[in-house]
């Protein structure tokens, strides 16, 4: 849902946890799928570790004494470029004897991370697990002769932390199958799709429970994306598949690298983040400075993502010998030190119910609103807009336990926070009893005509379509409007069948420019336009809604 300023000012109460009675969200394209409980548990974990580790790690962004700086270091084979035989020969010296999966798990837990995802195969085609499909793997082709993925899976099980794998759909090691394309949007041959499926079966049957599988890159056909997702789900129905399996077949949406959206989403989603924007794999010549600044940067990103309802997965890139870069370990432990007294405000929370807060961010659980104070207003007052009728009973600083005063000020609730402790992004827990009541700001009030458009709507988008470069597409518009009957005249570009959602019901309508329809809005004072229901993930609105002229009046039909 896109957070936008709404105009006019009629107010009514609403419960944050109310559910729509219609199917105004996209349905899965294929079955089976993880259960609702699994999805909820996945959404509740919030923070995880990504690991980019492979042959590229020992190169460290260098080739023949030259720094390769025209792309991510894990893609050095393509960026240098390095001939296939020369790159493959580096496997003979790949011997990560300092790889310590139990220490990795401990570091993740110290950071407050709830799961780990490691690269089982990246675009270079080198496999960090013992696959029967090719000898180009860490067991058969290196002096290490041990299964990196299996070692980490076992360590995660011992440590009680979730385990997942990254899997690149493209493979530069297979001549004639998938050659390098600058955007990595390689089409996949049928032979390579079958190779991928065989490896997916290995990963899903030989490494224990897989919490999520992080597909990446390539430009598979819809049938291939379906095949990959279905292969995973048939073997492990509760494994969450990333949106970069493409063609809307994922169980969760993946944002762009290091992208923090400026709006909430009404589906499971994740932001993948690297320590430095320039690379995910280890880069020996990377400038690493200001540890505390990097700690604060990632605390803020974590809070921004969680406050909008997403999960945050932060990457480390071990060196070629398997050791963790000390700088990256220090950053993770620093985030963990902040999380320890504040973890209640992160894990298992829902997105902020507030469109905007002038002091920072918020998350919520039944009975508690958590406030993250990025910038304390000059008067020391933290205003919760339109929450004045909620029965707030107490407020305290989570790191110190210090009590703060919370009171009503007009339509707002206000927390007096002029004596916050020092430290980055302090968190306040504000308890309430009964329902969390937020007054709605409607697009209009009274009986005067008014106009709906995209500027006063909440907008909902499809992501992870046919490939990495596919643009998001709009699938739902929602307006908060006065209860009652109205005549709506639609100004649209194009023509198509849509559903009007109002008063808990969906009604199909064929819309064309200038069409007039009578609409009855119910007590929830919400009006939506969606594709004809039910609709599958990836279905866009079939036309562009430019504006809607609304004249309140009788709705006799």
Protein backbone atom coordinates (compact mmCIF):
# COMPACT_ATOMS: atom_id res chain seq x y z
CA UNK A 1 0.00 0.00 0.00
CA UNK A 2 1.39 3.35 -0.94
CA UNK A 3 1.50 5.93 1.84
CA UNK A 4 0.22 9.19 0.41
CA UNK A 5 -1.30 12.30 2.01
CA UNK A 6 -5.09 12.15 1.94
CA UNK A 7 -7.22 15.24 1.57
CA UNK A 8 -10.29 16.56 3.44
CA UNK A 9 -11.08 15.49 6.97
CA UNK A 10 -13.93 13.26 8.05
CA UNK A 11 -12.96 10.76 10.73
CA UNK A 12 -14.20 7.39 11.91
CA UNK A 13 -12.64 4.65 13.98
CA UNK A 14 -11.22 1.46 12.55
CA UNK A 15 -9.53 -1.59 13.99
CA UNK A 16 -6.04 -2.19 12.60
CA UNK A 17 -6.59 -5.93 12.58
CA UNK A 18 -9.88 -6.00 10.62
CA UNK A 19 -9.85 -8.25 7.54
CA UNK A 20 -11.52 -7.77 4.15
CA UNK A 21 -14.30 -10.24 3.36
CA UNK A 22 -13.41 -10.39 -0.36
CA UNK A 23 -10.42 -11.69 -2.26
CA UNK A 24 -8.81 -8.38 -3.10
CA UNK A 25 -5.30 -9.86 -2.99
CA UNK A 26 -3.64 -11.93 -5.71
CA UNK A 27 -3.99 -15.71 -5.53
CA UNK A 28 -1.04 -18.11 -6.16
CA UNK A 29 -0.38 -19.09 -9.75
CA UNK A 30 0.47 -22.70 -8.92
CA UNK A 31 -0.01 -25.21 -6.12
CA UNK A 32 1.01 -26.49 -3.61
CA UNK A 33 2.05 -23.45 -1.56
CA UNK A 34 3.28 -22.94 2.01
CA UNK A 35 0.55 -22.81 4.63
CA UNK A 36 -0.73 -19.52 6.04
CA UNK A 37 0.99 -20.39 9.32
CA UNK A 38 4.32 -20.90 7.54
CA UNK A 39 3.97 -17.58 5.73
CA UNK A 40 3.17 -15.82 9.01
CA UNK A 41 6.18 -17.41 10.72
CA UNK A 42 8.41 -16.44 7.79
CA UNK A 43 7.17 -12.86 7.98
CA UNK A 44 7.78 -12.77 11.73
CA UNK A 45 11.49 -13.60 11.58
CA UNK A 46 12.36 -10.16 10.13
CA UNK A 47 16.18 -10.35 10.05
CA UNK A 48 18.55 -12.82 8.42
CA UNK A 49 22.06 -13.37 7.07
CA UNK A 50 22.96 -13.67 3.41
CA UNK A 51 26.32 -15.28 2.51
CA UNK A 52 27.94 -14.85 -0.90
CA UNK A 53 30.77 -17.38 -0.98
CA UNK A 54 32.38 -19.13 -3.94
CA UNK A 55 35.43 -19.32 -6.23
CA UNK A 56 35.20 -15.57 -6.70
CA UNK A 57 35.91 -15.11 -2.99
CA UNK A 58 39.57 -16.12 -3.36
CA UNK A 59 40.02 -13.65 -6.22
CA UNK A 60 38.76 -10.81 -4.01
CA UNK A 61 37.92 -8.54 -6.94
CA UNK A 62 41.39 -8.91 -8.49
CA UNK A 63 42.49 -10.55 -11.73
CA UNK A 64 46.14 -10.72 -12.84
CA UNK A 65 47.08 -7.91 -10.48
CA UNK A 66 44.30 -5.57 -11.61
CA UNK A 67 41.33 -4.33 -9.60
CA UNK A 68 38.11 -5.23 -11.41
CA UNK A 69 35.68 -2.47 -10.47
CA UNK A 70 33.02 -2.56 -13.19
CA UNK A 71 30.52 -4.67 -11.27
CA UNK A 72 29.95 -6.94 -8.31
CA UNK A 73 33.04 -8.99 -7.39
CA UNK A 74 31.08 -12.26 -7.35
CA UNK A 75 30.56 -11.65 -11.10
CA UNK A 76 34.27 -11.14 -11.81
CA UNK A 77 34.28 -13.96 -14.37
CA UNK A 78 32.09 -11.84 -16.63
CA UNK A 79 33.35 -8.44 -15.55
CA UNK A 80 37.11 -8.97 -16.04
CA UNK A 81 36.33 -10.95 -18.26
CA UNK A 82 38.02 -14.27 -17.45
CA UNK A 83 38.02 -17.14 -19.97
CA UNK A 84 36.03 -20.13 -18.78
CA UNK A 85 38.98 -22.50 -18.56
CA UNK A 86 41.11 -20.00 -16.62
CA UNK A 87 38.32 -19.27 -14.17
CA UNK A 88 37.54 -22.96 -13.68
CA UNK A 89 41.22 -23.62 -12.96
CA UNK A 90 40.98 -21.47 -9.81
CA UNK A 91 39.03 -24.34 -8.21
CA UNK A 92 42.35 -26.19 -7.88
CA UNK A 93 43.50 -23.64 -5.28
CA UNK A 94 40.19 -23.05 -3.51
CA UNK A 95 40.76 -24.45 -0.03
CA UNK A 96 38.70 -22.53 2.59
CA UNK A 97 40.24 -24.15 5.66
CA UNK A 98 39.13 -21.27 7.88
CA UNK A 99 35.45 -21.86 7.06
CA UNK A 100 33.74 -22.44 10.41
CA UNK A 101 29.99 -22.96 10.02
CA UNK A 102 29.35 -23.11 13.78
CA UNK A 103 31.10 -19.75 14.19
CA UNK A 104 28.98 -18.36 11.33
CA UNK A 105 25.82 -19.51 13.10
CA UNK A 106 27.00 -17.95 16.37
CA UNK A 107 27.75 -14.67 14.58
CA UNK A 108 24.28 -14.66 13.04
CA UNK A 109 22.67 -15.28 16.42
CA UNK A 110 24.83 -12.58 18.04
CA UNK A 111 23.52 -10.22 15.37
CA UNK A 112 19.91 -11.14 16.18
CA UNK A 113 19.43 -12.93 12.85
CA UNK A 114 16.86 -15.72 12.66
CA UNK A 115 17.96 -17.47 9.46
CA UNK A 116 20.89 -17.86 7.05
CA UNK A 117 20.87 -18.13 3.26
CA UNK A 118 24.07 -19.22 1.44
CA UNK A 119 24.94 -19.28 -2.25
CA UNK A 120 24.70 -22.92 -3.33
CA UNK A 121 25.49 -21.90 -6.94
CA UNK A 122 26.09 -18.43 -8.34
CA UNK A 123 26.12 -17.26 -11.96
CA UNK A 124 29.63 -18.63 -12.50
CA UNK A 125 28.14 -22.13 -12.26
CA UNK A 126 30.44 -23.33 -9.47
CA UNK A 127 28.57 -25.43 -6.93
CA UNK A 128 29.23 -25.07 -3.21
CA UNK A 129 27.44 -28.37 -2.61
CA UNK A 130 28.14 -31.94 -3.72
CA UNK A 131 25.98 -32.32 -6.81
CA UNK A 132 25.83 -35.39 -8.99
CA UNK A 133 25.01 -33.25 -12.03
CA UNK A 134 28.55 -31.95 -12.56
CA UNK A 135 32.05 -32.39 -11.16
CA UNK A 136 32.36 -28.61 -11.02
CA UNK A 137 31.66 -28.51 -7.30
CA UNK A 138 33.49 -27.90 -4.04
CA UNK A 139 33.82 -31.59 -3.17
CA UNK A 140 35.06 -32.95 -6.50
CA UNK A 141 36.99 -29.99 -7.95
CA UNK A 142 38.82 -28.45 -4.97
CA UNK A 143 41.40 -29.57 -2.39
CA UNK A 144 38.80 -28.82 0.31
CA UNK A 145 36.74 -31.90 -0.65
CA UNK A 146 33.90 -30.99 1.72
CA UNK A 147 30.31 -29.88 1.15
CA UNK A 148 30.09 -26.23 2.28
CA UNK A 149 26.30 -26.12 2.05
CA UNK A 150 25.88 -29.35 4.01
CA UNK A 151 28.26 -28.15 6.73
CA UNK A 152 26.27 -24.96 7.18
CA UNK A 153 22.90 -26.76 7.06
CA UNK A 154 24.07 -29.05 9.86
CA UNK A 155 25.43 -26.13 11.89
CA UNK A 156 22.14 -24.25 11.55
CA UNK A 157 20.29 -27.32 12.81
CA UNK A 158 22.64 -27.57 15.79
CA UNK A 159 22.27 -23.85 16.49
CA UNK A 160 18.48 -23.76 16.13
CA UNK A 161 18.43 -21.22 13.31
CA UNK A 162 16.63 -21.33 9.96
CA UNK A 163 18.57 -22.43 6.86
CA UNK A 164 18.11 -21.48 3.22
CA UNK A 165 19.96 -21.56 -0.09
CA UNK A 166 20.53 -19.12 -2.93
CA UNK A 167 20.35 -20.65 -6.40
CA UNK A 168 21.22 -18.84 -9.62
CA UNK A 169 19.12 -19.98 -12.57
CA UNK A 170 21.92 -19.11 -15.01
CA UNK A 171 25.26 -20.86 -15.39
CA UNK A 172 28.24 -19.42 -17.24
CA UNK A 173 30.10 -22.72 -16.92
CA UNK A 174 27.90 -24.45 -19.49
CA UNK A 175 29.16 -23.44 -22.97
CA UNK A 176 26.37 -22.94 -25.46
CA UNK A 177 23.67 -22.89 -22.79
CA UNK A 178 23.79 -19.52 -21.07
CA UNK A 179 26.26 -16.90 -22.22
CA UNK A 180 26.74 -13.69 -20.26
CA UNK A 181 24.21 -10.93 -20.79
CA UNK A 182 24.97 -7.61 -19.02
CA UNK A 183 21.61 -7.60 -17.20
CA UNK A 184 21.89 -11.33 -16.34
CA UNK A 185 18.47 -11.77 -17.97
CA UNK A 186 19.55 -14.91 -19.80
CA UNK A 187 16.84 -17.05 -21.40
CA UNK A 188 17.12 -20.66 -20.24
CA UNK A 189 17.33 -23.57 -22.64
CA UNK A 190 15.19 -26.62 -21.97
CA UNK A 191 18.35 -28.62 -21.23
CA UNK A 192 19.50 -26.08 -18.66
CA UNK A 193 16.05 -25.95 -17.04
CA UNK A 194 16.22 -29.75 -16.63
CA UNK A 195 19.72 -29.40 -15.12
CA UNK A 196 18.35 -26.85 -12.65
CA UNK A 197 15.46 -29.12 -11.69
CA UNK A 198 17.84 -32.01 -11.01
CA UNK A 199 19.90 -29.79 -8.72
CA UNK A 200 16.81 -28.43 -7.00
CA UNK A 201 15.77 -31.98 -6.20
CA UNK A 202 19.18 -32.59 -4.64
CA UNK A 203 18.98 -29.45 -2.53
CA UNK A 204 15.45 -30.17 -1.38
CA UNK A 205 16.11 -33.81 -0.42
CA UNK A 206 19.65 -33.95 0.96
CA UNK A 207 20.05 -30.86 3.16
CA UNK A 208 17.21 -31.04 5.65
CA UNK A 209 14.42 -28.48 5.98
CA UNK A 210 14.97 -25.45 3.72
CA UNK A 211 13.27 -22.34 5.09
CA UNK A 212 13.62 -20.40 1.86
CA UNK A 213 15.20 -20.81 -1.54
CA UNK A 214 16.51 -17.62 -3.05
CA UNK A 215 16.31 -17.89 -6.83
CA UNK A 216 18.12 -15.20 -8.76
CA UNK A 217 18.55 -13.86 -12.27
CA UNK A 218 17.87 -15.44 -15.62
CA UNK A 219 14.74 -14.91 -17.68
CA UNK A 220 12.87 -18.22 -17.60
CA UNK A 221 9.62 -18.79 -19.42
CA UNK A 222 6.42 -18.88 -17.34
CA UNK A 223 6.44 -22.68 -17.71
CA UNK A 224 10.03 -22.87 -16.43
CA UNK A 225 9.29 -20.62 -13.45
CA UNK A 226 6.27 -22.79 -12.65
CA UNK A 227 8.44 -25.91 -12.95
CA UNK A 228 11.10 -24.56 -10.56
CA UNK A 229 8.60 -23.42 -7.93
CA UNK A 230 6.52 -26.58 -8.19
CA UNK A 231 9.61 -28.80 -7.93
CA UNK A 232 10.50 -27.09 -4.66
CA UNK A 233 6.96 -27.16 -3.24
CA UNK A 234 6.30 -30.81 -4.07
CA UNK A 235 9.41 -31.85 -2.14
CA UNK A 236 9.19 -29.31 0.67
CA UNK A 237 5.75 -27.65 0.69
CA UNK A 238 6.74 -25.21 3.46
CA UNK A 239 9.82 -23.80 1.72
CA UNK A 240 9.34 -20.14 0.79
CA UNK A 241 10.36 -19.46 -2.84
CA UNK A 242 11.78 -16.05 -3.68
CA UNK A 243 10.14 -13.81 -6.25
CA UNK A 244 13.22 -13.99 -8.47
CA UNK A 245 12.05 -17.37 -9.66
CA UNK A 246 10.17 -14.83 -11.84
CA UNK A 247 6.84 -14.78 -13.64
CA UNK A 248 5.04 -14.12 -10.32
CA UNK A 249 5.66 -17.68 -9.08
CA UNK A 250 7.40 -16.66 -5.84
CA UNK A 251 6.00 -16.95 -2.34
CA UNK A 252 7.56 -13.64 -1.38
CA UNK A 253 8.43 -10.50 -3.31
CA UNK A 254 12.08 -9.49 -3.54
CA UNK A 255 12.88 -5.80 -3.77
CA UNK A 256 15.83 -4.52 -5.79
CA UNK A 257 19.30 -4.89 -4.29
CA UNK A 258 19.53 -2.59 -1.26
CA UNK A 259 16.10 -1.13 -2.04
CA UNK A 260 14.00 0.11 0.88
CA UNK A 261 10.51 0.88 -0.48
CA UNK A 262 8.85 4.10 0.54
CA UNK A 263 5.51 2.36 1.03
CA UNK A 264 4.08 -0.75 2.62
CA UNK A 265 3.16 -3.91 0.73
CA UNK A 266 0.23 -6.24 1.38
CA UNK A 267 2.18 -9.43 0.68
CA UNK A 268 5.29 -11.16 2.12
CA UNK A 269 8.44 -9.36 0.96
CA UNK A 270 12.13 -9.00 1.60
CA UNK A 271 14.91 -6.48 1.04
CA UNK A 272 18.32 -7.99 0.22
CA UNK A 273 21.17 -5.77 1.42
CA UNK A 274 24.93 -5.82 0.94
CA UNK A 275 27.46 -4.31 3.34
CA UNK A 276 28.63 -2.08 0.48
CA UNK A 277 26.51 -1.31 -2.57
CA UNK A 278 29.40 -2.09 -4.94
CA UNK A 279 29.69 -5.79 -4.15
CA UNK A 280 28.28 -8.86 -2.42
CA UNK A 281 31.25 -11.19 -2.81
CA UNK A 282 34.52 -10.47 -0.98
CA UNK A 283 36.53 -7.53 -2.37
CA UNK A 284 40.07 -7.31 -1.00
CA UNK A 285 40.51 -3.64 -1.83
CA UNK A 286 37.15 -2.45 -0.49
CA UNK A 287 37.54 0.63 1.75
CA UNK A 288 36.13 -0.28 5.16
CA UNK A 289 35.80 2.51 7.68
CA UNK A 290 33.46 4.01 10.28
CA UNK A 291 32.16 0.80 11.80
CA UNK A 292 29.65 2.65 13.98
CA UNK A 293 28.31 4.52 10.98
CA UNK A 294 27.80 1.22 9.13
CA UNK A 295 26.12 -0.26 12.22
CA UNK A 296 23.73 2.69 12.38
CA UNK A 297 23.06 2.49 8.64
CA UNK A 298 21.93 -1.12 8.92
CA UNK A 299 19.92 -0.57 12.09
CA UNK A 300 18.03 2.15 10.23
CA UNK A 301 17.48 -0.01 7.13
CA UNK A 302 16.26 -2.88 9.30
CA UNK A 303 13.79 -0.61 11.07
CA UNK A 304 12.60 0.99 7.83
CA UNK A 305 11.97 -2.41 6.25
CA UNK A 306 10.28 -3.92 9.31
CA UNK A 307 8.13 -0.81 9.85
CA UNK A 308 6.79 -1.34 6.32
CA UNK A 309 6.11 -5.02 6.94
CA UNK A 310 9.12 -6.66 5.29
CA UNK A 311 12.10 -8.85 6.13
CA UNK A 312 15.72 -7.66 5.93
CA UNK A 313 18.52 -10.02 4.84
CA UNK A 314 22.02 -8.57 5.26
CA UNK A 315 24.99 -10.05 3.40
CA UNK A 316 28.51 -10.99 4.40
CA UNK A 317 31.19 -12.01 1.88
CA UNK A 318 33.76 -14.36 3.44
CA UNK A 319 37.34 -14.30 2.20
CA UNK A 320 38.64 -17.11 0.02
CA UNK A 321 39.99 -19.00 3.03
CA UNK A 322 36.49 -19.02 4.54
CA UNK A 323 37.14 -16.44 7.25
CA UNK A 324 34.66 -13.67 7.95
CA UNK A 325 35.91 -10.14 7.30
CA UNK A 326 36.43 -8.65 10.82
CA UNK A 327 34.76 -5.38 9.79
CA UNK A 328 31.61 -7.22 8.74
CA UNK A 329 31.56 -9.26 11.94
CA UNK A 330 31.87 -6.05 13.99
CA UNK A 331 28.95 -4.51 12.10
CA UNK A 332 26.73 -7.53 12.71
CA UNK A 333 27.57 -7.64 16.41
CA UNK A 334 26.85 -3.92 16.65
CA UNK A 335 23.40 -4.38 15.14
CA UNK A 336 22.86 -7.27 17.54
CA UNK A 337 23.83 -5.12 20.54
CA UNK A 338 21.13 -2.61 19.56
CA UNK A 339 18.60 -5.38 18.91
CA UNK A 340 19.03 -7.15 22.23
CA UNK A 341 17.01 -4.71 24.39
CA UNK A 342 14.69 -3.86 21.48
CA UNK A 343 13.96 -7.26 19.95
CA UNK A 344 10.33 -7.21 21.05
CA UNK A 345 9.80 -4.25 18.73
CA UNK A 346 11.15 -6.13 15.69
CA UNK A 347 10.32 -9.84 15.64
CA UNK A 348 6.74 -10.90 14.98
CA UNK A 349 5.52 -7.35 14.47
CA UNK A 350 3.22 -5.86 11.86
CA UNK A 351 3.81 -2.81 9.71
CA UNK A 352 3.29 0.68 11.05
CA UNK A 353 -0.38 1.72 11.08
CA UNK A 354 0.65 5.35 10.60
CA UNK A 355 1.10 6.83 7.13
CA UNK A 356 3.89 9.09 8.37
CA UNK A 357 5.59 9.98 11.65
CA UNK A 358 7.63 13.16 11.94
CA UNK A 359 10.05 11.60 14.44
CA UNK A 360 10.79 8.21 12.88
CA UNK A 361 9.07 4.83 12.51
CA UNK A 362 6.72 2.40 14.23
CA UNK A 363 5.78 -1.26 14.41
CA UNK A 364 2.85 -2.85 16.18
CA UNK A 365 1.66 -5.98 17.98
CA UNK A 366 -1.75 -6.44 19.58
CA UNK A 367 -1.57 -4.35 22.74
CA UNK A 368 1.63 -2.43 21.93
CA UNK A 369 2.86 0.20 19.50
CA UNK A 370 6.65 0.52 19.22
CA UNK A 371 8.16 3.87 18.33
CA UNK A 372 11.66 4.26 16.84
CA UNK A 373 12.92 7.79 17.43
CA UNK A 374 15.25 8.91 14.66
CA UNK A 375 14.83 12.65 15.27
CA UNK A 376 13.32 14.02 18.47
CA UNK A 377 11.06 17.04 17.81
CA UNK A 378 12.16 20.26 19.49
CA UNK A 379 9.25 20.13 21.93
CA UNK A 380 10.04 16.52 22.87
CA UNK A 381 6.55 15.38 21.84
CA UNK A 382 6.07 12.21 19.80
CA UNK A 383 2.73 12.56 18.04
CA UNK A 384 0.74 9.53 16.92
CA UNK A 385 -1.60 11.02 14.32
CA UNK A 386 -5.31 10.24 14.62
CA UNK A 387 -4.78 7.75 17.48
CA UNK A 388 -6.23 9.94 20.23
CA UNK A 389 -9.21 7.70 20.97
CA UNK A 390 -7.07 4.61 21.58
CA UNK A 391 -6.84 3.81 25.29
CA UNK A 392 -3.07 4.10 25.79
CA UNK A 393 -2.12 3.16 29.33
CA UNK A 394 1.68 3.42 29.57
CA UNK A 395 4.92 4.12 27.72
CA UNK A 396 8.51 3.20 28.49
CA UNK A 397 11.97 3.34 26.93
CA UNK A 398 12.89 -0.26 26.11
CA UNK A 399 16.64 0.03 26.71
CA UNK A 400 16.31 1.61 30.17
CA UNK A 401 12.78 0.86 31.34
CA UNK A 402 12.21 4.57 32.04
CA UNK A 403 8.52 5.48 32.12
CA UNK A 404 7.17 8.23 29.86
CA UNK A 405 3.86 10.05 29.91
CA UNK A 406 1.30 9.41 27.17
CA UNK A 407 -1.83 11.52 26.74
CA UNK A 408 -4.41 12.67 24.23
CA UNK A 409 -4.03 15.92 22.33
CA UNK A 410 -7.05 16.55 20.10
CA UNK A 411 -7.27 13.71 17.60
CA UNK A 412 -3.70 12.60 18.30
CA UNK A 413 -1.97 10.66 21.04
CA UNK A 414 1.24 12.22 22.36
CA UNK A 415 4.20 10.67 24.18
CA UNK A 416 6.36 13.11 26.16
CA UNK A 417 9.90 11.99 25.33
CA UNK A 418 12.09 14.97 26.20
CA UNK A 419 14.41 12.84 28.36
CA UNK A 420 15.42 9.97 26.09
CA UNK A 421 18.71 8.17 26.81
CA UNK A 422 21.69 8.71 24.55
CA UNK A 423 22.28 6.20 21.79
CA UNK A 424 21.15 5.55 18.26
CA UNK A 425 17.45 5.10 17.45
CA UNK A 426 15.94 4.61 20.94
CA UNK A 427 12.73 2.56 21.06
CA UNK A 428 9.61 3.28 23.11
CA UNK A 429 6.92 0.69 23.85
CA UNK A 430 3.47 2.26 24.17
CA UNK A 431 0.87 -0.08 25.69
CA UNK A 432 -2.84 0.17 24.94
CA UNK A 433 -6.00 -1.62 26.02
CA UNK A 434 -8.85 -2.66 23.77
CA UNK A 435 -8.60 -1.97 20.05
CA UNK A 436 -6.02 0.22 18.37
CA UNK A 437 -8.37 2.90 17.03
CA UNK A 438 -7.12 5.15 14.28
CA UNK A 439 -9.30 7.87 12.85
CA UNK A 440 -9.45 7.73 9.08
CA UNK A 441 -8.91 10.76 6.92
CA UNK A 442 -11.41 10.50 4.11
CA UNK A 443 -11.03 11.90 0.63
CA UNK A 444 -14.15 14.02 1.14
CA UNK A 445 -16.81 14.98 3.65
CA UNK A 446 -20.40 16.14 3.45
CA UNK A 447 -22.60 15.91 0.37
CA UNK A 448 -20.46 17.92 -2.05
CA UNK A 449 -19.14 16.28 -5.22
CA UNK A 450 -15.49 15.20 -5.12
CA UNK A 451 -12.81 13.54 -7.26
CA UNK A 452 -10.79 10.36 -6.80
CA UNK A 453 -7.41 9.95 -8.46
CA UNK A 454 -4.05 8.28 -7.91
CA UNK A 455 -2.86 11.15 -5.71
CA UNK A 456 -5.44 10.39 -3.02
CA UNK A 457 -5.42 6.60 -3.43
CA UNK A 458 -3.51 3.76 -1.88
CA UNK A 459 -1.77 1.91 -4.71
CA UNK A 460 -0.86 -1.79 -4.75
CA UNK A 461 1.68 -3.31 -7.11
CA UNK A 462 2.79 -6.61 -8.69
CA UNK A 463 6.54 -7.34 -8.54
CA UNK A 464 9.00 -9.95 -9.90
CA UNK A 465 7.46 -10.48 -13.29
CA UNK A 466 9.14 -11.92 -16.38
CA UNK A 467 12.70 -10.97 -15.38
CA UNK A 468 14.97 -8.66 -13.46
CA UNK A 469 14.11 -5.66 -15.65
CA UNK A 470 10.34 -6.15 -15.53
CA UNK A 471 8.59 -3.10 -14.12
CA UNK A 472 6.10 -3.29 -11.30
CA UNK A 473 2.46 -3.14 -12.40
CA UNK A 474 -0.55 -1.69 -10.60
CA UNK A 475 -3.22 -4.17 -9.53
CA UNK A 476 -5.35 -2.35 -6.94
CA UNK A 477 -6.50 1.15 -6.05
CA UNK A 478 -8.13 1.92 -2.71
CA UNK A 479 -9.78 5.12 -1.51
CA UNK A 480 -11.23 6.02 1.89
CA UNK A 481 -14.54 7.70 1.12
CA UNK A 482 -17.74 8.61 3.00
CA UNK A 483 -20.27 5.88 3.66
CA UNK A 484 -23.37 5.88 1.48
CA UNK A 485 -24.47 5.79 -2.14
CA UNK A 486 -22.85 7.74 -4.94
CA UNK A 487 -22.79 8.02 -8.70
CA UNK A 488 -19.23 7.62 -9.97
CA UNK A 489 -18.14 8.69 -13.44
CA UNK A 490 -14.88 7.10 -14.56
CA UNK A 491 -12.24 8.73 -16.72
CA UNK A 492 -9.96 5.95 -17.90
CA UNK A 493 -7.49 5.07 -20.62
CA UNK A 494 -8.29 1.72 -22.15
CA UNK A 495 -11.19 -0.61 -21.49
CA UNK A 496 -11.57 -3.74 -19.42
CA UNK A 497 -13.36 -5.78 -16.79
CA UNK A 498 -12.63 -4.84 -13.18
CA UNK A 499 -14.16 -5.47 -9.78
CA UNK A 500 -15.58 -2.78 -7.52
CA UNK A 501 -15.03 -3.72 -3.89
CA UNK A 502 -17.27 -1.92 -1.39
CA UNK A 503 -19.40 -2.86 1.63
CA UNK A 504 -17.61 -6.21 1.84
CA UNK A 505 -18.69 -7.30 -1.64
CA UNK A 506 -17.10 -7.45 -5.07
CA UNK A 507 -19.05 -6.56 -8.23
CA UNK A 508 -17.69 -7.01 -11.76
CA UNK A 509 -17.99 -4.08 -14.15
CA UNK A 510 -16.74 -3.43 -17.69
CA UNK A 511 -15.20 0.04 -17.55
CA UNK A 512 -14.63 2.40 -20.42
CA UNK A 513 -14.03 6.13 -20.50
CA UNK A 514 -17.05 8.13 -19.37
CA UNK A 515 -18.86 5.15 -17.82
CA UNK A 516 -21.11 6.03 -14.87
CA UNK A 517 -21.82 3.52 -12.10
CA UNK A 518 -23.73 3.71 -8.82
CA UNK A 519 -21.64 2.49 -5.88
CA UNK A 520 -22.74 1.84 -2.29
CA UNK A 521 -19.88 2.27 0.21
CA UNK A 522 -20.23 0.47 3.53
CA UNK A 523 -19.29 1.16 7.14
CA UNK A 524 -15.59 0.52 6.50
CA UNK A 525 -15.69 3.53 4.14
CA UNK A 526 -13.43 1.84 1.65
CA UNK A 527 -13.78 1.65 -2.12
CA UNK A 528 -11.41 -0.44 -4.22
CA UNK A 529 -10.87 -1.22 -7.88
CA UNK A 530 -9.18 -4.57 -8.57
CA UNK A 531 -8.98 -6.99 -11.51
CA UNK A 532 -12.02 -9.24 -11.86
CA UNK A 533 -11.98 -11.57 -8.84
CA UNK A 534 -10.47 -13.93 -8.01
CA UNK A 535 -7.26 -12.97 -9.79
CA UNK A 536 -3.80 -14.52 -9.79
CA UNK A 537 -0.54 -12.88 -8.83
CA UNK A 538 0.78 -10.68 -11.62
CA UNK A 539 -2.64 -9.66 -12.95
CA UNK A 540 -2.62 -5.89 -13.53
CA UNK A 541 -5.55 -3.56 -13.74
CA UNK A 542 -6.58 -3.82 -17.42
CA UNK A 543 -6.86 -0.05 -17.81
CA UNK A 544 -5.53 3.21 -16.37
CA UNK A 545 -7.80 5.09 -13.99
CA UNK A 546 -7.11 8.78 -14.49
CA UNK A 547 -9.85 10.14 -12.22
CA UNK A 548 -13.30 9.41 -10.86
CA UNK A 549 -15.94 12.12 -10.41
CA UNK A 550 -18.17 11.28 -7.45
CA UNK A 551 -21.64 12.76 -6.82
CA UNK A 552 -23.24 11.60 -3.55
CA UNK A 553 -26.86 10.57 -3.92
CA UNK A 554 -29.36 7.72 -3.93
CA UNK A 555 -28.35 4.26 -5.17
CA UNK A 556 -31.60 2.77 -6.41
CA UNK A 557 -30.87 0.31 -9.21
